[in-house]
Every structure is written in C-alpha cells, then in structure tokens.
Amino acid sequence: MYILGSPVFDRARFTTGRGRTFTVRAIGNSPSNVYITSATLNGKPLHRAWITHDEVIRGGELVLHMSATPNQSWGAAALPPSLTPT
C-alpha cells in the first residue's frame, strides 16, 4: 500500500518487476501547489488517497492534480485497508 502525498517531482516513470511501465504525473505541481485535489488511475477517477502495490505493478499512469487550496473531500471517503476498523 502506498499513501499519496505531495510529490517533489512533476513526472516519474519506472519499469515494474513485471516489465510494465508505471508513470506518475503531477499536474500544476509547484512549491505553492502542495495539495492533491483530484487524481486518476489509468484514466479513471481515483477518490482515495492510496494505491495498492498490485495496482502499481500492473503498470499504467497515476495523474495527480495539484492546487494551493486543499479539496477536503478528496481522499476522505476510503481508508486504506490497514486502517479500516474490523
């Protein structure tokens, strides 16, 4: 599990252990735009502030939209499984 936070890069690309490529792009990233206001994973809206290792190793693209103002509803709906009460 990977918790999403403010990136220090605009784009990163790497090859997974399965030989696929995973790319992370931060749109509007700057020293003042430190908040993720929305995200997509492989073109589909991502409403949670985490992704799984399986999602990464399958390859694809994570796009983070950055802003100077937080979107307090983004990422607030779904806790990571490790933090979900049993």
N, C-alpha and C. Protein backbone atom coordinates (compact mmCIF):
# COMPACT_ATOMS: atom_id res chain seq x y z
N MET A 1 0.84 -1.17 0.00
CA MET A 1 0.00 0.00 0.00
C MET A 1 0.88 1.23 0.00
N TYR A 2 0.49 2.22 -0.82
CA TYR A 2 1.23 3.47 -0.91
C TYR A 2 0.25 4.62 -0.64
N ILE A 3 0.59 5.44 0.35
CA ILE A 3 -0.21 6.61 0.68
C ILE A 3 0.27 7.75 -0.22
N LEU A 4 -0.68 8.44 -0.84
CA LEU A 4 -0.34 9.53 -1.76
C LEU A 4 -0.16 10.82 -0.99
N GLY A 5 0.90 11.53 -1.31
CA GLY A 5 1.19 12.81 -0.69
C GLY A 5 1.71 13.77 -1.73
N SER A 6 2.10 14.94 -1.29
CA SER A 6 2.57 15.98 -2.19
C SER A 6 3.90 15.56 -2.84
N PRO A 7 3.94 15.44 -4.15
CA PRO A 7 5.16 15.00 -4.82
C PRO A 7 6.19 16.13 -4.93
N VAL A 8 7.44 15.75 -5.04
CA VAL A 8 8.51 16.73 -5.25
C VAL A 8 8.95 16.74 -6.72
N PHE A 9 8.20 16.06 -7.56
CA PHE A 9 8.53 15.94 -8.97
C PHE A 9 7.29 16.20 -9.80
N ASP A 10 7.48 16.51 -11.07
CA ASP A 10 6.35 16.69 -11.98
C ASP A 10 5.99 15.39 -12.68
N ARG A 11 7.00 14.54 -12.86
CA ARG A 11 6.76 13.27 -13.55
C ARG A 11 7.84 12.27 -13.14
N ALA A 12 7.39 11.04 -12.95
CA ALA A 12 8.32 9.94 -12.69
C ALA A 12 7.80 8.72 -13.44
N ARG A 13 8.74 7.96 -14.00
CA ARG A 13 8.36 6.76 -14.76
C ARG A 13 9.36 5.67 -14.41
N PHE A 14 8.82 4.47 -14.16
CA PHE A 14 9.71 3.34 -13.86
C PHE A 14 9.10 2.06 -14.40
N THR A 15 9.95 1.07 -14.55
CA THR A 15 9.51 -0.25 -15.00
C THR A 15 9.27 -1.11 -13.78
N THR A 16 8.13 -1.78 -13.75
CA THR A 16 7.79 -2.63 -12.61
C THR A 16 8.51 -3.97 -12.73
N GLY A 17 8.43 -4.77 -11.71
CA GLY A 17 9.04 -6.09 -11.72
C GLY A 17 8.44 -7.01 -12.77
N ARG A 18 7.28 -6.65 -13.27
CA ARG A 18 6.62 -7.45 -14.31
C ARG A 18 6.93 -6.93 -15.71
N GLY A 19 7.86 -5.98 -15.80
CA GLY A 19 8.24 -5.46 -17.10
C GLY A 19 7.29 -4.43 -17.67
N ARG A 20 6.36 -3.97 -16.89
CA ARG A 20 5.42 -2.93 -17.33
C ARG A 20 5.89 -1.59 -16.81
N THR A 21 5.37 -0.53 -17.40
CA THR A 21 5.76 0.82 -17.01
C THR A 21 4.66 1.46 -16.17
N PHE A 22 5.07 2.13 -15.10
CA PHE A 22 4.15 2.91 -14.27
C PHE A 22 4.65 4.34 -14.26
N THR A 23 3.75 5.27 -14.55
CA THR A 23 4.08 6.69 -14.60
C THR A 23 3.24 7.46 -13.59
N VAL A 24 3.87 8.39 -12.91
CA VAL A 24 3.17 9.31 -12.02
C VAL A 24 3.40 10.71 -12.56
N ARG A 25 2.30 11.44 -12.79
CA ARG A 25 2.39 12.83 -13.26
C ARG A 25 1.69 13.72 -12.25
N ALA A 26 2.28 14.87 -11.96
CA ALA A 26 1.68 15.86 -11.06
C ALA A 26 1.39 17.11 -11.88
N ILE A 27 0.12 17.33 -12.18
CA ILE A 27 -0.32 18.46 -12.99
C ILE A 27 -0.46 19.69 -12.09
N GLY A 28 0.20 20.78 -12.48
CA GLY A 28 0.13 22.00 -11.69
C GLY A 28 1.03 21.99 -10.47
N ASN A 29 1.97 21.06 -10.43
CA ASN A 29 2.86 20.95 -9.28
C ASN A 29 3.78 22.16 -9.18
N SER A 30 3.90 22.72 -7.98
CA SER A 30 4.79 23.85 -7.73
C SER A 30 5.01 23.95 -6.22
N PRO A 31 5.96 24.75 -5.79
CA PRO A 31 6.17 24.90 -4.34
C PRO A 31 4.93 25.39 -3.59
N SER A 32 4.04 26.12 -4.27
CA SER A 32 2.83 26.60 -3.59
C SER A 32 1.64 25.67 -3.78
N ASN A 33 1.67 24.82 -4.79
CA ASN A 33 0.57 23.88 -5.03
C ASN A 33 0.92 22.54 -4.40
N VAL A 34 0.67 22.43 -3.12
CA VAL A 34 1.10 21.25 -2.37
C VAL A 34 -0.03 20.27 -2.06
N TYR A 35 -1.24 20.59 -2.50
CA TYR A 35 -2.40 19.73 -2.20
C TYR A 35 -2.87 18.98 -3.43
N ILE A 36 -3.12 17.69 -3.26
CA ILE A 36 -3.74 16.89 -4.32
C ILE A 36 -5.23 17.17 -4.24
N THR A 37 -5.79 17.68 -5.33
CA THR A 37 -7.23 18.00 -5.31
C THR A 37 -8.06 16.95 -6.02
N SER A 38 -7.42 16.17 -6.90
CA SER A 38 -8.09 15.05 -7.57
C SER A 38 -7.00 14.18 -8.18
N ALA A 39 -7.40 12.98 -8.56
CA ALA A 39 -6.44 12.06 -9.16
C ALA A 39 -7.17 11.09 -10.08
N THR A 40 -6.42 10.56 -11.04
CA THR A 40 -6.93 9.48 -11.87
C THR A 40 -5.89 8.37 -11.89
N LEU A 41 -6.38 7.15 -12.00
CA LEU A 41 -5.52 5.99 -12.17
C LEU A 41 -5.96 5.29 -13.44
N ASN A 42 -5.08 5.28 -14.42
CA ASN A 42 -5.38 4.71 -15.73
C ASN A 42 -6.64 5.32 -16.34
N GLY A 43 -6.75 6.64 -16.19
CA GLY A 43 -7.85 7.37 -16.81
C GLY A 43 -9.16 7.37 -16.04
N LYS A 44 -9.23 6.65 -14.93
CA LYS A 44 -10.45 6.59 -14.13
C LYS A 44 -10.26 7.38 -12.85
N PRO A 45 -11.30 8.10 -12.40
CA PRO A 45 -11.17 8.88 -11.17
C PRO A 45 -10.74 8.00 -9.99
N LEU A 46 -9.81 8.52 -9.21
CA LEU A 46 -9.35 7.85 -8.00
C LEU A 46 -9.77 8.73 -6.83
N HIS A 47 -10.68 8.22 -6.01
CA HIS A 47 -11.24 9.02 -4.92
C HIS A 47 -10.58 8.73 -3.58
N ARG A 48 -9.56 7.90 -3.58
CA ARG A 48 -8.87 7.56 -2.33
C ARG A 48 -7.43 8.05 -2.40
N ALA A 49 -6.85 8.29 -1.25
CA ALA A 49 -5.50 8.85 -1.16
C ALA A 49 -4.45 7.75 -1.00
N TRP A 50 -4.69 6.62 -1.61
CA TRP A 50 -3.75 5.49 -1.55
C TRP A 50 -3.96 4.60 -2.76
N ILE A 51 -2.90 3.85 -3.10
CA ILE A 51 -2.99 2.83 -4.14
C ILE A 51 -2.29 1.58 -3.62
N THR A 52 -2.63 0.47 -4.21
CA THR A 52 -2.02 -0.79 -3.77
C THR A 52 -0.79 -1.11 -4.61
N HIS A 53 0.04 -1.97 -4.08
CA HIS A 53 1.22 -2.42 -4.81
C HIS A 53 0.79 -3.15 -6.09
N ASP A 54 -0.28 -3.93 -6.02
CA ASP A 54 -0.78 -4.63 -7.21
C ASP A 54 -1.16 -3.65 -8.31
N GLU A 55 -1.77 -2.52 -7.95
CA GLU A 55 -2.12 -1.51 -8.96
C GLU A 55 -0.86 -0.95 -9.62
N VAL A 56 0.19 -0.77 -8.86
CA VAL A 56 1.44 -0.23 -9.40
C VAL A 56 2.11 -1.24 -10.32
N ILE A 57 2.23 -2.49 -9.89
CA ILE A 57 2.98 -3.46 -10.70
C ILE A 57 2.24 -3.86 -11.97
N ARG A 58 0.93 -3.62 -12.03
CA ARG A 58 0.20 -3.86 -13.28
C ARG A 58 0.56 -2.84 -14.35
N GLY A 59 1.18 -1.73 -13.93
CA GLY A 59 1.54 -0.68 -14.87
C GLY A 59 0.40 0.29 -15.09
N GLY A 60 0.71 1.39 -15.73
CA GLY A 60 -0.31 2.38 -16.03
C GLY A 60 0.16 3.77 -15.67
N GLU A 61 -0.82 4.63 -15.38
CA GLU A 61 -0.50 6.02 -15.10
C GLU A 61 -1.37 6.55 -13.97
N LEU A 62 -0.71 7.18 -13.02
CA LEU A 62 -1.37 7.89 -11.92
C LEU A 62 -1.17 9.37 -12.19
N VAL A 63 -2.26 10.13 -12.29
CA VAL A 63 -2.18 11.57 -12.52
C VAL A 63 -2.75 12.27 -11.29
N LEU A 64 -1.93 13.14 -10.71
CA LEU A 64 -2.32 13.92 -9.54
C LEU A 64 -2.52 15.37 -9.97
N HIS A 65 -3.64 15.95 -9.63
CA HIS A 65 -3.91 17.36 -9.93
C HIS A 65 -3.66 18.15 -8.65
N MET A 66 -2.72 19.10 -8.75
CA MET A 66 -2.24 19.83 -7.59
C MET A 66 -2.84 21.23 -7.52
N SER A 67 -2.98 21.76 -6.28
CA SER A 67 -3.52 23.09 -6.07
C SER A 67 -2.95 23.68 -4.78
N ALA A 68 -3.05 24.99 -4.65
CA ALA A 68 -2.65 25.66 -3.41
C ALA A 68 -3.72 25.56 -2.34
N THR A 69 -4.92 25.16 -2.75
CA THR A 69 -6.04 25.05 -1.83
C THR A 69 -6.46 23.59 -1.71
N PRO A 70 -6.60 23.08 -0.49
CA PRO A 70 -6.98 21.67 -0.34
C PRO A 70 -8.43 21.41 -0.75
N ASN A 71 -8.66 20.24 -1.30
CA ASN A 71 -10.01 19.74 -1.56
C ASN A 71 -10.27 18.74 -0.45
N GLN A 72 -10.96 19.16 0.59
CA GLN A 72 -11.10 18.34 1.79
C GLN A 72 -11.97 17.11 1.58
N SER A 73 -12.67 17.03 0.46
CA SER A 73 -13.47 15.83 0.20
C SER A 73 -12.68 14.76 -0.56
N TRP A 74 -11.60 15.18 -1.26
CA TRP A 74 -10.82 14.18 -2.00
C TRP A 74 -10.02 13.32 -1.03
N GLY A 75 -10.12 12.04 -1.20
CA GLY A 75 -9.35 11.10 -0.40
C GLY A 75 -9.89 10.85 0.98
N ALA A 76 -11.02 11.46 1.32
CA ALA A 76 -11.55 11.34 2.67
C ALA A 76 -12.53 10.18 2.83
N ALA A 77 -13.02 9.63 1.74
CA ALA A 77 -14.09 8.63 1.81
C ALA A 77 -13.61 7.23 2.14
N ALA A 78 -12.42 6.85 1.68
CA ALA A 78 -11.99 5.46 1.83
C ALA A 78 -10.65 5.39 2.56
N LEU A 79 -10.67 4.73 3.70
CA LEU A 79 -9.43 4.48 4.44
C LEU A 79 -8.70 3.30 3.82
N PRO A 80 -7.37 3.29 3.92
CA PRO A 80 -6.63 2.11 3.47
C PRO A 80 -7.06 0.90 4.29
N PRO A 81 -7.02 -0.29 3.70
CA PRO A 81 -7.45 -1.48 4.44
C PRO A 81 -6.74 -1.66 5.78
N SER A 82 -5.49 -1.25 5.88
CA SER A 82 -4.77 -1.41 7.14
C SER A 82 -5.30 -0.48 8.24
N LEU A 83 -6.05 0.56 7.87
CA LEU A 83 -6.61 1.49 8.84
C LEU A 83 -8.11 1.32 9.03
N THR A 84 -8.72 0.42 8.29
CA THR A 84 -10.16 0.20 8.38
C THR A 84 -10.46 -0.59 9.65
N PRO A 85 -11.38 -0.09 10.48
CA PRO A 85 -11.73 -0.82 11.70
C PRO A 85 -12.32 -2.21 11.38
N THR A 86 -11.97 -3.18 12.20
CA THR A 86 -12.52 -4.54 11.98
C THR A 86 -13.65 -4.83 12.93
